[in-house]
Amino acid sequence: MKRLLSFLLCFGILLFWSSCRNDFEFSPNQGQLEFAKDTIYLDTVFSTIGSSTYNLKVYNRSDEDIVIPTIQFENGLNSNYRMNVDGQTGLADAQEGKFFEDVELLAHDSLFIFIETTINISTLGSLENQFLYTDRILFDSGSNQQNIDVVTLVKDAVFIYPSKNDVTGIVETLSFDVDGDGVIDNTDTQGRFLTDDELTFTNEKPYVIYGYAGVGTGKTLTMEPGTRVHFHANSGIIVTDNATLNINGSLSTNQESLENEVILEGDRLEPLYEDIPGQWGTIWLYNGSVSNTINYATIKNATVGILSEGDPNAINNKLTITNSQIYNTSSFGILGRATSIKAENLIINNSGQSSFAGTYGGKYNFTHCTIANYWNSSFREYPALLLNDYIVDENNTVFVNDLTEANFNNCIIYGNDNPEFLLENEGDVFNFKFSNSLLRFDNNNLEGSGNYNFEDTTFYVGNTFNEDPDFEDSLENMMRIGSDSEAIGIGSSEFSVPNDILGNLRSSSIDAGAYNNATFED
């Protein structure tokens, strides 16, 4: 009986409380919404490729619960934008993501609107290669209507991608002579070979590459000044047997826009991704490719900027790279494997492992290069510069190949770790030399013995150790040296390249690295 009386008492209290509570009553919106921003800028997108998701926060600062009769795009169902309002996609079918009715918003509360777009520039009625597409989000109508502008720059592009079987879903892969035995090998690398009419990249439109774009046997891919190449995730360029890559950029008058430089980077154009490493694969110079040249190029945000394999004794260097920059690689800036590379006025910085690694022997000649590493995103195992003459297979078998020469003249080799160069050899032919360079190496356990006898003029001549290079801003890849740099005047005319990377004439007092020294503005 007591339990029954207790239950009835509690039930009565709940009933009394609920009868006193007013149900939520939503008043019509009176045009007093507040917004976190008055314009939503969706950063530049490529035609037909979906954007990132952007958000708008909407506030009800009043003391009343309100209902917003409609939220819609001014262009209605024809809008190229779509939105989600607090997790809702709006009316079904054609109006989904375009039109919302009776959206409730409690007093002193807020809601989120998420906006995306996918735009085909060919439907916009413009013959230009880029188009500013705009719309407005309309909240309510009549005298209570409030508006938020939405703006997107759409760029047309040349898209290069492998075919896909509509039935099996299998994506085309590259087949070529991988191991140099004269037999075509099937690979699991998604991509396709460029056709003859695709072998010249121009500055008319950017190029967007999905998978690996292959340069076939005996073909040459040429990139003209001002070319822009964007790679999707796990994409890149493969240069195969007897094929060549020529990147022919030129000096730019504007160092902000780099209008004449060839720029290779990821396909995410939002500022958030501007300096994110590892967005795409690599430029892969396969064993057998010949006489590859790169001049005035910026390669950034790759996994490996350039992977060069084989042909260390070729008549012409496997790769000649000049006046170029490689930044923000999640693994290596340049990885050489038993290959030959000549570099002048080259800058490499911010690599997850080494900025330059010459492995399994080969031939390397670097003059007036800045090989730095100020990576701060994670632990890195290797220094800025790594040289060795061996590889180890999965069975722990060691294979040795001669390092016939590795010369670093008038260079800066520096970074935020110590030491910043490592020399490892298993064989007898391991020829290297550092001349008139600024080097970071302060390790008592290694210094003075083996490959690190800095008094031995066979390997070290005229170098400066562990002094400040005075980079403009190494964390931002601004690698000019300032007026307090210890690299000033330590270079030798024996190795000098006449002009620095900016085209400035080098004086009789020669600075190490890719830049002449400069006075920075505050």
Protein backbone atom coordinates (compact mmCIF):
# COMPACT_ATOMS: atom_id res chain seq x y z
CA MET A 1 0.00 0.00 0.00
CA LYS A 2 2.86 2.36 0.86
CA ARG A 3 4.49 1.66 -2.49
CA LEU A 4 1.25 2.51 -4.27
CA LEU A 5 0.87 5.78 -2.34
CA SER A 6 4.50 6.69 -3.08
CA PHE A 7 4.03 5.98 -6.79
CA LEU A 8 0.84 8.06 -6.93
CA LEU A 9 2.57 10.94 -5.13
CA CYS A 10 5.50 10.96 -7.55
CA PHE A 11 3.19 10.64 -10.53
CA GLY A 12 1.16 13.59 -9.26
CA ILE A 13 4.25 15.77 -8.89
CA LEU A 14 5.37 14.94 -12.43
CA LEU A 15 1.89 15.62 -13.77
CA PHE A 16 1.72 18.94 -11.92
CA TRP A 17 5.16 19.99 -13.19
CA SER A 18 4.40 19.10 -16.78
CA SER A 19 1.07 20.90 -16.70
CA CYS A 20 2.83 24.07 -15.54
CA ARG A 21 5.48 23.94 -18.30
CA ASN A 22 4.65 25.76 -21.49
CA ASP A 23 5.37 23.81 -24.70
CA PHE A 24 8.04 25.35 -26.93
CA GLU A 25 6.38 27.97 -29.03
CA PHE A 26 8.33 29.21 -32.04
CA SER A 27 7.76 32.72 -33.24
CA PRO A 28 8.30 33.66 -36.89
CA ASN A 29 11.72 35.02 -37.71
CA GLN A 30 11.79 38.82 -37.74
CA GLY A 31 14.97 39.23 -39.75
CA GLN A 32 17.21 39.50 -36.71
CA LEU A 33 19.55 36.60 -37.36
CA GLU A 34 23.26 37.19 -36.86
CA PHE A 35 26.04 35.51 -38.84
CA ALA A 36 29.66 34.63 -38.16
CA LYS A 37 30.62 36.06 -41.56
CA ASP A 38 28.92 38.06 -44.28
CA THR A 39 30.56 36.21 -47.20
CA ILE A 40 31.58 32.57 -47.59
CA TYR A 41 34.65 32.18 -49.76
CA LEU A 42 35.07 28.67 -51.09
CA ASP A 43 38.70 28.62 -52.15
CA THR A 44 39.64 28.00 -55.77
CA VAL A 45 38.45 24.70 -57.21
CA PHE A 46 39.11 22.90 -60.46
CA SER A 47 36.22 22.39 -62.84
CA THR A 48 34.22 19.19 -62.05
CA ILE A 49 36.17 18.50 -58.82
CA GLY A 50 34.29 18.88 -55.55
CA SER A 51 35.36 21.49 -53.03
CA SER A 52 36.11 21.13 -49.36
CA THR A 53 33.25 21.74 -46.94
CA TYR A 54 32.91 25.25 -45.53
CA ASN A 55 30.67 26.37 -42.69
CA LEU A 56 28.57 29.30 -41.61
CA LYS A 57 27.33 29.76 -38.06
CA VAL A 58 23.92 31.39 -37.63
CA TYR A 59 22.88 32.91 -34.28
CA ASN A 60 19.54 33.68 -32.62
CA ARG A 61 20.50 36.32 -30.02
CA SER A 62 16.89 37.02 -29.05
CA ASP A 63 14.96 35.74 -26.01
CA GLU A 64 12.44 33.93 -28.22
CA ASP A 65 12.51 30.59 -29.96
CA ILE A 66 12.10 31.29 -33.65
CA VAL A 67 11.36 29.46 -36.86
CA ILE A 68 13.01 30.46 -40.14
CA PRO A 69 10.38 29.85 -42.85
CA THR A 70 12.89 29.18 -45.65
CA ILE A 71 16.62 28.86 -46.25
CA GLN A 72 17.55 28.58 -49.93
CA PHE A 73 19.98 29.61 -52.63
CA GLU A 74 19.09 32.64 -54.70
CA ASN A 75 19.74 30.59 -57.85
CA GLY A 76 17.33 27.97 -56.57
CA LEU A 77 17.58 24.46 -58.00
CA ASN A 78 20.06 25.71 -60.61
CA SER A 79 22.65 26.63 -57.99
CA ASN A 80 25.96 24.83 -58.19
CA TYR A 81 26.21 24.99 -54.42
CA ARG A 82 24.66 22.57 -51.94
CA MET A 83 24.25 22.92 -48.21
CA ASN A 84 23.46 21.01 -45.07
CA VAL A 85 21.62 22.78 -42.23
CA ASP A 86 22.43 21.33 -38.81
CA GLY A 87 22.71 17.84 -40.23
CA GLN A 88 19.66 18.08 -42.48
CA THR A 89 19.87 17.94 -46.27
CA GLY A 90 16.51 19.62 -46.86
CA LEU A 91 13.72 18.51 -49.16
CA ALA A 92 14.28 15.32 -51.10
CA ASP A 93 14.93 14.75 -54.78
CA ALA A 94 15.85 17.79 -56.88
CA GLN A 95 15.66 20.22 -53.97
CA GLU A 96 17.99 18.28 -51.69
CA GLY A 97 20.70 20.57 -50.40
CA LYS A 98 19.03 23.58 -52.05
CA PHE A 99 15.86 24.37 -50.10
CA PHE A 100 14.87 24.13 -46.42
CA GLU A 101 11.56 24.94 -44.73
CA ASP A 102 10.60 25.81 -41.14
CA VAL A 103 14.04 25.62 -39.58
CA GLU A 104 13.72 25.98 -35.81
CA LEU A 105 16.26 27.86 -33.74
CA LEU A 106 16.02 28.18 -29.96
CA ALA A 107 16.57 31.43 -28.08
CA HIS A 108 20.25 32.27 -27.55
CA ASP A 109 21.21 29.29 -29.68
CA SER A 110 22.95 28.78 -33.02
CA LEU A 111 23.03 26.41 -35.96
CA PHE A 112 25.65 25.39 -38.50
CA ILE A 113 25.26 25.51 -42.27
CA PHE A 114 27.78 23.49 -44.30
CA ILE A 115 28.38 24.48 -47.93
CA GLU A 116 30.07 22.60 -50.79
CA THR A 117 30.22 22.90 -54.56
CA THR A 118 31.10 20.99 -57.70
CA ILE A 119 31.12 23.17 -60.81
CA ASN A 120 31.61 22.34 -64.46
CA ILE A 121 33.08 25.50 -65.95
CA SER A 122 31.81 24.57 -69.41
CA THR A 123 28.22 25.17 -68.23
CA LEU A 124 28.91 28.73 -67.09
CA GLY A 125 28.86 30.31 -70.52
CA SER A 126 32.38 31.71 -70.36
CA LEU A 127 35.28 31.10 -72.68
CA GLU A 128 37.80 32.08 -70.03
CA ASN A 129 39.97 29.54 -68.23
CA GLN A 130 38.68 30.73 -64.89
CA PHE A 131 35.33 31.97 -63.71
CA LEU A 132 34.15 33.66 -60.53
CA TYR A 133 30.97 31.86 -59.54
CA THR A 134 28.67 33.49 -56.99
CA ASP A 135 25.33 32.88 -55.32
CA ARG A 136 23.54 33.96 -52.15
CA ILE A 137 21.95 32.07 -49.28
CA LEU A 138 18.55 33.66 -48.57
CA PHE A 139 17.13 33.45 -45.07
CA ASP A 140 13.36 34.03 -45.11
CA SER A 141 11.77 36.36 -47.67
CA GLY A 142 10.15 39.77 -48.06
CA SER A 143 11.04 42.39 -45.48
CA ASN A 144 12.57 39.75 -43.18
CA GLN A 145 14.99 38.41 -45.78
CA GLN A 146 18.69 38.32 -44.92
CA ASN A 147 21.47 37.31 -47.31
CA ILE A 148 24.93 35.76 -47.20
CA ASP A 149 27.12 35.86 -50.31
CA VAL A 150 28.89 32.70 -51.50
CA VAL A 151 31.91 33.04 -53.82
CA THR A 152 34.13 30.50 -55.61
CA LEU A 153 36.85 30.86 -58.23
CA VAL A 154 36.60 27.99 -60.71
CA LYS A 155 39.59 27.06 -62.87
CA ASP A 156 39.46 25.05 -66.03
CA ALA A 157 42.17 22.41 -66.36
CA VAL A 158 43.53 19.64 -68.51
CA PHE A 159 42.73 16.36 -66.75
CA ILE A 160 44.94 13.32 -67.22
CA TYR A 161 43.72 10.09 -65.65
CA PRO A 162 43.71 6.33 -66.31
CA SER A 163 40.66 4.58 -67.75
CA LYS A 164 38.35 2.49 -65.59
CA ASN A 165 36.44 -0.62 -66.65
CA ASP A 166 32.74 0.13 -66.09
CA VAL A 167 31.97 -3.54 -65.45
CA THR A 168 34.86 -4.71 -63.28
CA GLY A 169 35.81 -1.35 -61.78
CA ILE A 170 39.48 -2.13 -62.53
CA VAL A 171 41.63 0.97 -63.12
CA GLU A 172 44.21 1.02 -65.90
CA THR A 173 47.82 0.35 -64.81
CA LEU A 174 51.19 1.04 -66.41
CA SER A 175 53.13 -1.68 -68.24
CA PHE A 176 56.76 -1.15 -69.25
CA ASP A 177 60.22 -2.67 -68.98
CA VAL A 178 60.79 -2.21 -65.25
CA ASP A 179 64.02 -4.19 -64.82
CA GLY A 180 65.75 -3.43 -68.12
CA ASP A 181 65.67 -7.00 -69.48
CA GLY A 182 63.84 -6.03 -72.67
CA VAL A 183 60.54 -7.58 -71.54
CA ILE A 184 57.44 -5.51 -70.81
CA ASP A 185 56.37 -5.95 -67.19
CA ASN A 186 52.89 -5.46 -65.80
CA THR A 187 52.78 -3.25 -62.72
CA ASP A 188 50.09 -2.38 -60.21
CA THR A 189 50.82 1.34 -60.59
CA GLN A 190 47.60 3.06 -61.64
CA GLY A 191 48.05 5.44 -64.54
CA ARG A 192 48.48 5.66 -68.29
CA PHE A 193 51.04 6.77 -70.83
CA LEU A 194 50.74 10.24 -72.30
CA THR A 195 49.70 10.37 -75.92
CA ASP A 196 51.86 12.22 -78.44
CA ASP A 197 49.58 15.28 -78.38
CA GLU A 198 49.91 15.44 -74.57
CA LEU A 199 53.71 15.55 -74.45
CA THR A 200 53.96 19.35 -74.29
CA PHE A 201 52.56 21.04 -71.19
CA THR A 202 51.89 24.76 -71.63
CA ASN A 203 50.83 27.63 -69.37
CA GLU A 204 47.39 27.97 -70.97
CA LYS A 205 45.63 25.80 -68.38
CA PRO A 206 46.80 23.93 -65.30
CA TYR A 207 47.18 20.16 -65.55
CA VAL A 208 45.54 17.82 -63.03
CA ILE A 209 46.95 14.29 -62.93
CA TYR A 210 45.27 11.25 -61.39
CA GLY A 211 47.50 8.21 -61.05
CA TYR A 212 50.88 8.26 -62.75
CA ALA A 213 51.36 9.97 -66.10
CA GLY A 214 53.87 7.83 -67.98
CA VAL A 215 56.38 9.06 -70.53
CA GLY A 216 56.72 6.11 -72.92
CA THR A 217 59.81 4.61 -74.48
CA GLY A 218 61.72 7.12 -76.61
CA LYS A 219 59.27 9.96 -75.82
CA THR A 220 60.00 13.38 -74.31
CA LEU A 221 57.68 15.30 -72.00
CA THR A 222 58.34 19.04 -72.16
CA MET A 223 56.96 21.60 -69.71
CA GLU A 224 57.06 25.19 -70.95
CA PRO A 225 57.60 28.29 -68.75
CA GLY A 226 54.68 29.05 -66.45
CA THR A 227 53.26 25.51 -66.52
CA ARG A 228 51.27 24.46 -63.45
CA VAL A 229 50.89 20.76 -62.67
CA HIS A 230 48.68 19.45 -59.86
CA PHE A 231 48.75 15.86 -58.66
CA HIS A 232 46.02 13.94 -56.89
CA ALA A 233 46.95 11.70 -53.96
CA ASN A 234 49.27 8.82 -54.93
CA SER A 235 49.96 10.37 -58.32
CA GLY A 236 53.01 11.58 -60.17
CA ILE A 237 55.11 11.21 -63.31
CA ILE A 238 57.07 8.14 -64.42
CA VAL A 239 59.76 8.52 -67.11
CA THR A 240 60.55 5.12 -68.62
CA ASP A 241 63.22 3.50 -70.84
CA ASN A 242 64.97 5.91 -73.22
CA ALA A 243 62.40 8.61 -72.35
CA THR A 244 63.14 12.14 -71.15
CA LEU A 245 61.57 14.81 -68.96
CA ASN A 246 62.47 18.42 -69.77
CA ILE A 247 61.08 21.04 -67.39
CA ASN A 248 61.94 24.34 -69.05
CA GLY A 249 60.96 27.08 -66.63
CA SER A 250 62.59 30.49 -66.71
CA LEU A 251 63.41 33.32 -64.34
CA SER A 252 60.37 35.18 -63.01
CA THR A 253 60.23 38.93 -62.47
CA ASN A 254 57.74 38.50 -59.62
CA GLN A 255 59.00 36.23 -56.87
CA GLU A 256 55.52 36.01 -55.37
CA SER A 257 53.66 34.76 -58.43
CA LEU A 258 56.66 32.99 -60.06
CA GLU A 259 54.94 33.54 -63.39
CA ASN A 260 57.63 31.84 -65.48
CA GLU A 261 58.52 29.06 -63.08
CA VAL A 262 57.09 25.57 -63.53
CA ILE A 263 55.26 24.61 -60.34
CA LEU A 264 54.39 21.03 -59.43
CA GLU A 265 52.21 20.45 -56.36
CA GLY A 266 49.04 18.76 -55.07
CA ASP A 267 45.54 19.33 -56.39
CA ARG A 268 44.10 20.77 -53.17
CA LEU A 269 44.04 24.51 -53.73
CA GLU A 270 42.79 25.62 -50.30
CA PRO A 271 45.30 27.65 -48.23
CA LEU A 272 45.15 24.94 -45.54
CA TYR A 273 46.96 22.59 -47.93
CA GLU A 274 49.50 25.07 -49.23
CA ASP A 275 52.40 23.59 -47.24
CA ILE A 276 51.19 20.11 -46.26
CA PRO A 277 53.80 17.43 -47.13
CA GLY A 278 52.99 14.11 -48.76
CA GLN A 279 49.97 15.13 -50.85
CA TRP A 280 51.19 13.25 -53.94
CA GLY A 281 53.78 10.69 -55.00
CA THR A 282 56.92 11.58 -56.94
CA ILE A 283 58.62 12.42 -60.21
CA TRP A 284 60.13 9.00 -60.94
CA LEU A 285 63.09 8.91 -63.34
CA TYR A 286 63.22 5.20 -64.00
CA ASN A 287 66.35 3.22 -64.81
CA GLY A 288 66.90 3.75 -68.53
CA SER A 289 65.42 7.23 -68.81
CA VAL A 290 67.95 9.66 -70.25
CA SER A 291 69.18 13.26 -70.06
CA ASN A 292 66.39 14.60 -67.84
CA THR A 293 66.60 18.34 -67.20
CA ILE A 294 64.81 20.61 -64.75
CA ASN A 295 65.29 24.39 -64.76
CA TYR A 296 63.39 26.97 -62.71
CA ALA A 297 60.91 24.60 -61.12
CA THR A 298 59.26 24.50 -57.72
CA ILE A 299 58.36 20.99 -56.56
CA LYS A 300 56.48 20.88 -53.28
CA ASN A 301 54.28 18.81 -50.97
CA ALA A 302 55.25 15.44 -52.48
CA THR A 303 56.23 12.21 -50.76
CA VAL A 304 59.54 12.16 -52.67
CA GLY A 305 60.21 15.21 -54.81
CA ILE A 306 62.37 13.39 -57.36
CA LEU A 307 63.30 9.70 -57.40
CA SER A 308 66.20 9.08 -59.79
CA GLU A 309 67.31 5.49 -60.41
CA GLY A 310 70.20 3.92 -62.28
CA ASP A 311 72.54 4.92 -65.12
CA PRO A 312 75.38 6.39 -63.03
CA ASN A 313 77.83 6.16 -65.93
CA ALA A 314 75.61 7.55 -68.67
CA ILE A 315 77.29 9.96 -71.12
CA ASN A 316 74.92 12.70 -69.99
CA ASN A 317 73.86 12.99 -66.38
CA LYS A 318 70.65 11.15 -65.59
CA LEU A 319 69.34 14.42 -64.11
CA THR A 320 70.55 17.98 -64.44
CA ILE A 321 68.60 20.29 -62.13
CA THR A 322 69.24 24.04 -61.93
CA ASN A 323 67.67 27.13 -60.35
CA SER A 324 64.99 25.05 -58.65
CA GLN A 325 63.37 24.53 -55.26
CA ILE A 326 62.04 21.40 -53.57
CA TYR A 327 60.05 21.84 -50.37
CA ASN A 328 57.81 20.00 -47.92
CA THR A 329 58.40 16.38 -48.89
CA SER A 330 57.21 13.82 -46.35
CA SER A 331 60.16 11.53 -47.12
CA PHE A 332 63.02 12.74 -49.37
CA GLY A 333 63.51 15.88 -51.41
CA ILE A 334 65.68 14.03 -53.92
CA LEU A 335 66.38 10.32 -53.60
CA GLY A 336 69.10 8.98 -55.88
CA ARG A 337 69.80 5.27 -56.26
CA ALA A 338 72.98 4.38 -58.15
CA THR A 339 72.38 7.32 -60.44
CA SER A 340 74.03 10.50 -61.72
CA ILE A 341 72.85 14.00 -60.80
CA LYS A 342 74.27 17.43 -61.51
CA ALA A 343 72.74 20.32 -59.55
CA GLU A 344 73.38 24.08 -59.53
CA ASN A 345 71.48 26.77 -57.63
CA LEU A 346 69.23 24.13 -56.07
CA ILE A 347 67.38 24.58 -52.77
CA ILE A 348 65.93 21.68 -50.81
CA ASN A 349 64.29 22.12 -47.41
CA ASN A 350 61.77 20.60 -45.05
CA SER A 351 61.91 16.85 -45.66
CA GLY A 352 60.61 14.09 -43.41
CA GLN A 353 63.83 12.11 -43.90
CA SER A 354 66.76 13.54 -45.90
CA SER A 355 66.58 16.53 -48.19
CA PHE A 356 69.09 14.82 -50.46
CA ALA A 357 70.01 11.13 -50.30
CA GLY A 358 72.51 9.65 -52.74
CA THR A 359 72.22 5.93 -52.04
CA TYR A 360 73.75 2.77 -53.48
CA GLY A 361 76.64 4.70 -54.94
CA GLY A 362 76.50 6.75 -58.11
CA LYS A 363 77.80 10.13 -59.25
CA TYR A 364 76.71 13.47 -57.78
CA ASN A 365 78.00 17.00 -58.38
CA PHE A 366 76.32 19.84 -56.49
CA THR A 367 77.44 23.47 -56.82
CA HIS A 368 75.95 26.50 -55.07
CA CYS A 369 73.20 24.38 -53.54
CA THR A 370 71.37 24.91 -50.27
CA ILE A 371 70.59 21.49 -48.82
CA ALA A 372 68.81 22.25 -45.58
CA ASN A 373 66.32 20.50 -43.37
CA TYR A 374 64.24 22.30 -40.76
CA TRP A 375 61.53 19.63 -40.58
CA ASN A 376 59.53 20.03 -37.37
CA SER A 377 56.44 17.87 -37.99
CA SER A 378 57.86 14.63 -36.55
CA PHE A 379 61.06 12.82 -35.68
CA ARG A 380 63.37 12.30 -38.65
CA GLU A 381 65.87 9.48 -38.81
CA TYR A 382 68.35 10.93 -41.29
CA PRO A 383 70.29 14.18 -41.69
CA ALA A 384 69.80 16.75 -44.44
CA LEU A 385 72.40 14.98 -46.60
CA LEU A 386 72.89 11.21 -46.75
CA LEU A 387 75.47 9.35 -48.87
CA ASN A 388 76.03 5.60 -48.96
CA ASP A 389 77.17 2.89 -51.37
CA TYR A 390 74.95 -0.06 -50.50
CA ILE A 391 71.46 -1.46 -50.24
CA VAL A 392 70.12 -4.25 -48.06
CA ASP A 393 67.43 -6.59 -49.38
CA GLU A 394 64.66 -8.34 -47.46
CA ASN A 395 67.04 -11.20 -46.64
CA ASN A 396 69.56 -8.78 -45.11
CA THR A 397 71.92 -9.35 -48.03
CA VAL A 398 74.13 -6.32 -48.60
CA PHE A 399 74.78 -5.15 -52.18
CA VAL A 400 77.55 -2.62 -52.80
CA ASN A 401 77.96 -0.19 -55.69
CA ASP A 402 80.78 2.32 -56.23
CA LEU A 403 80.29 5.95 -55.25
CA THR A 404 82.50 7.21 -58.05
CA GLU A 405 82.16 10.87 -57.08
CA ALA A 406 80.13 13.11 -54.80
CA ASN A 407 81.28 16.72 -54.84
CA PHE A 408 79.64 19.54 -52.92
CA ASN A 409 81.12 22.91 -53.83
CA ASN A 410 80.12 26.35 -52.47
CA CYS A 411 77.13 24.72 -50.76
CA ILE A 412 75.24 25.14 -47.49
CA ILE A 413 74.36 21.90 -45.72
CA TYR A 414 72.48 22.75 -42.56
CA GLY A 415 69.36 22.19 -40.50
CA ASN A 416 67.79 21.89 -37.06
CA ASP A 417 69.49 18.58 -36.22
CA ASN A 418 73.12 17.68 -35.70
CA PRO A 419 75.06 16.40 -37.57
CA GLU A 420 73.42 17.26 -40.88
CA PHE A 421 75.40 14.97 -43.17
CA LEU A 422 76.04 11.24 -42.89
CA LEU A 423 78.55 9.23 -44.97
CA GLU A 424 78.27 5.42 -44.84
CA ASN A 425 80.24 3.01 -46.97
CA GLU A 426 80.62 -0.76 -47.18
CA GLY A 427 82.82 -0.85 -50.31
CA ASP A 428 86.26 0.50 -51.20
CA VAL A 429 85.25 3.08 -53.83
CA PHE A 430 83.65 5.90 -51.88
CA ASN A 431 84.81 9.19 -53.33
CA PHE A 432 83.42 12.40 -51.91
CA LYS A 433 84.59 15.96 -51.32
CA PHE A 434 83.21 19.06 -49.61
CA SER A 435 84.76 22.34 -50.73
CA ASN A 436 84.17 25.93 -49.57
CA SER A 437 80.85 25.04 -47.96
CA LEU A 438 79.03 25.87 -44.73
CA LEU A 439 78.42 22.58 -42.94
CA ARG A 440 76.71 21.54 -39.75
CA PHE A 441 78.58 18.71 -38.03
CA ASP A 442 79.38 18.77 -34.33
CA ASN A 443 79.68 15.20 -33.09
CA ASN A 444 82.65 14.23 -30.96
CA ASN A 445 81.95 10.51 -31.38
CA LEU A 446 82.40 10.67 -35.15
CA GLU A 447 84.53 13.72 -35.83
CA GLY A 448 88.20 13.13 -36.56
CA SER A 449 87.95 9.56 -37.78
CA GLY A 450 86.85 7.58 -40.82
CA ASN A 451 84.89 9.71 -43.28
CA TYR A 452 84.89 12.64 -40.84
CA ASN A 453 88.56 13.62 -40.70
CA PHE A 454 88.02 17.28 -41.53
CA GLU A 455 91.77 17.90 -41.72
CA ASP A 456 92.14 15.54 -44.68
CA THR A 457 92.24 17.77 -47.75
CA THR A 458 91.41 14.83 -49.99
CA PHE A 459 87.84 15.15 -48.70
CA TYR A 460 87.49 18.58 -47.07
CA VAL A 461 88.85 21.92 -48.30
CA GLY A 462 88.00 25.47 -47.21
CA ASN A 463 84.82 24.62 -45.29
CA THR A 464 83.18 26.46 -42.38
CA PHE A 465 81.55 24.40 -39.66
CA ASN A 466 78.62 25.04 -37.33
CA GLU A 467 78.20 28.75 -37.94
CA ASP A 468 74.86 30.48 -38.47
CA PRO A 469 73.70 30.63 -42.13
CA ASP A 470 71.21 33.38 -41.16
CA PHE A 471 68.36 32.13 -43.34
CA GLU A 472 65.52 34.58 -43.85
CA ASP A 473 62.90 32.17 -42.47
CA SER A 474 63.77 28.49 -42.77
CA LEU A 475 60.45 27.31 -41.34
CA GLU A 476 58.66 29.13 -44.17
CA ASN A 477 61.13 27.92 -46.82
CA MET A 478 62.58 31.39 -47.24
CA MET A 479 66.20 30.36 -47.70
CA ARG A 480 67.95 33.59 -48.66
CA ILE A 481 70.95 34.32 -46.45
CA GLY A 482 71.13 37.58 -44.53
CA SER A 483 73.91 40.07 -44.01
CA ASP A 484 75.08 38.22 -40.87
CA SER A 485 75.43 34.85 -42.60
CA GLU A 486 78.67 32.93 -42.14
CA ALA A 487 78.22 31.69 -45.71
CA ILE A 488 79.19 35.12 -47.03
CA GLY A 489 82.45 35.13 -48.98
CA ILE A 490 83.46 31.54 -48.25
CA GLY A 491 82.88 30.28 -51.81
CA SER A 492 85.57 29.66 -54.38
CA SER A 493 85.69 31.04 -57.91
CA GLU A 494 86.96 27.65 -59.03
CA PHE A 495 83.42 26.29 -58.77
CA SER A 496 81.30 29.40 -59.11
CA VAL A 497 78.10 29.58 -61.14
CA PRO A 498 77.93 33.14 -62.61
CA ASN A 499 74.44 34.05 -61.34
CA ASP A 500 72.50 33.08 -58.24
CA ILE A 501 69.02 31.56 -58.33
CA LEU A 502 67.45 35.02 -58.66
CA GLY A 503 69.61 35.89 -61.64
CA ASN A 504 71.86 38.20 -59.64
CA LEU A 505 75.49 38.30 -60.71
CA ARG A 506 77.86 36.78 -58.19
CA SER A 507 80.67 39.15 -57.22
CA SER A 508 84.32 38.36 -56.66
CA SER A 509 83.41 37.67 -53.02
CA ILE A 510 81.39 34.51 -53.52
CA ASP A 511 78.72 33.39 -51.07
CA ALA A 512 77.97 29.73 -50.49
CA GLY A 513 74.50 28.43 -51.28
CA ALA A 514 71.98 29.22 -53.98
CA TYR A 515 71.48 32.91 -53.05
CA ASN A 516 73.66 35.95 -52.78
CA ASN A 517 73.30 37.52 -49.35
CA ALA A 518 70.64 40.20 -48.87
CA THR A 519 69.46 42.68 -46.26
CA PHE A 520 66.00 41.69 -45.06
CA GLU A 521 63.27 44.22 -44.49
CA ASP A 522 61.69 44.27 -41.03
